[in-house]
Amino acid sequence: MVSTIVVLLVGYWFFKSPLCSACADWLRNQGGGRDPRLMAQMEELGETVTELRADVLELSERMDFTERVLIKVREREALPPR
């Protein structure tokens, strides 16, 4: 019980202290939010992901078309000849 109170008091002190603000600022800067090189890389990665999504969509459409064609061919082969 006492340890819980101590942890709460230390936590309260830490989150209200300038040390916590300094740690938060340091973590924000470590995230690369202000580094132009990292922002450019993130933008390039975003464009690459968009292109890959388009490619996957196109491949999915082609696969659907191929499956439909194969089903039609199998149905024709299953019908008795006239």
Protein backbone atom coordinates (compact mmCIF):
# COMPACT_ATOMS: atom_id res chain seq x y z
CA MET A 1 0.00 0.00 0.00
CA VAL A 2 2.77 2.39 0.91
CA SER A 3 4.69 1.52 -2.25
CA THR A 4 1.63 2.36 -4.37
CA ILE A 5 1.36 5.78 -2.74
CA VAL A 6 5.08 6.40 -3.25
CA VAL A 7 4.85 5.42 -6.92
CA LEU A 8 1.86 7.74 -7.40
CA LEU A 9 3.63 10.66 -5.71
CA VAL A 10 6.83 10.16 -7.71
CA GLY A 11 4.79 9.82 -10.91
CA TYR A 12 2.84 12.99 -10.14
CA TRP A 13 6.07 14.86 -9.39
CA PHE A 14 7.72 13.61 -12.60
CA PHE A 15 4.83 14.51 -14.88
CA LYS A 16 4.58 17.99 -13.38
CA SER A 17 8.34 18.63 -13.48
CA PRO A 18 10.35 20.47 -16.13
CA LEU A 19 12.27 17.21 -16.55
CA CYS A 20 9.19 15.61 -18.06
CA SER A 21 8.73 18.52 -20.48
CA ALA A 22 12.37 18.25 -21.51
CA CYS A 23 12.00 14.50 -22.09
CA ALA A 24 8.87 15.06 -24.16
CA ASP A 25 10.61 17.70 -26.30
CA TRP A 26 13.58 15.40 -26.79
CA LEU A 27 11.31 12.51 -27.85
CA ARG A 28 9.43 14.74 -30.28
CA ASN A 29 12.70 15.84 -31.91
CA GLN A 30 13.92 12.23 -32.08
CA GLY A 31 10.84 11.31 -34.11
CA GLY A 32 12.18 13.23 -37.09
CA GLY A 33 9.20 15.55 -37.29
CA ARG A 34 11.44 18.50 -38.10
CA ASP A 35 14.18 16.85 -40.16
CA PRO A 36 13.61 17.72 -43.84
CA ARG A 37 15.55 14.68 -45.06
CA LEU A 38 13.34 12.32 -43.11
CA MET A 39 10.22 14.15 -44.23
CA ALA A 40 11.34 13.77 -47.87
CA GLN A 41 11.97 10.07 -47.33
CA MET A 42 8.55 9.65 -45.73
CA GLU A 43 6.94 11.44 -48.65
CA GLU A 44 8.79 9.20 -51.12
CA LEU A 45 7.72 6.11 -49.19
CA GLY A 46 4.12 7.32 -49.26
CA GLU A 47 4.28 7.69 -53.04
CA THR A 48 5.81 4.23 -53.36
CA VAL A 49 3.06 2.72 -51.23
CA THR A 50 0.43 4.43 -53.38
CA GLU A 51 2.02 3.00 -56.54
CA LEU A 52 2.22 -0.46 -55.00
CA ARG A 53 -1.46 -0.30 -54.03
CA ALA A 54 -2.34 0.55 -57.62
CA ASP A 55 -0.22 -2.36 -58.87
CA VAL A 56 -1.87 -4.77 -56.44
CA LEU A 57 -5.32 -3.56 -57.51
CA GLU A 58 -4.44 -4.08 -61.17
CA LEU A 59 -3.08 -7.56 -60.46
CA SER A 60 -6.21 -8.40 -58.49
CA GLU A 61 -8.41 -7.34 -61.40
CA ARG A 62 -6.33 -9.42 -63.82
CA MET A 63 -6.57 -12.44 -61.53
CA ASP A 64 -10.35 -12.06 -61.28
CA PHE A 65 -10.59 -11.89 -65.08
CA THR A 66 -8.41 -14.99 -65.46
CA GLU A 67 -10.51 -16.90 -62.94
CA ARG A 68 -13.70 -16.00 -64.82
CA VAL A 69 -12.19 -17.12 -68.12
CA LEU A 70 -11.05 -20.42 -66.61
CA ILE A 71 -14.51 -21.04 -65.16
CA LYS A 72 -16.07 -20.46 -68.58
CA VAL A 73 -13.59 -22.84 -70.23
CA ARG A 74 -14.30 -25.53 -67.63
CA GLU A 75 -18.05 -25.08 -68.07
CA ARG A 76 -17.70 -25.49 -71.85
CA GLU A 77 -15.63 -28.63 -71.44
CA ALA A 78 -18.18 -30.09 -69.03
CA LEU A 79 -21.06 -29.68 -71.49
CA PRO A 80 -21.75 -32.66 -73.72
CA PRO A 81 -20.89 -32.13 -77.39
CA ARG A 82 -23.79 -31.39 -79.76
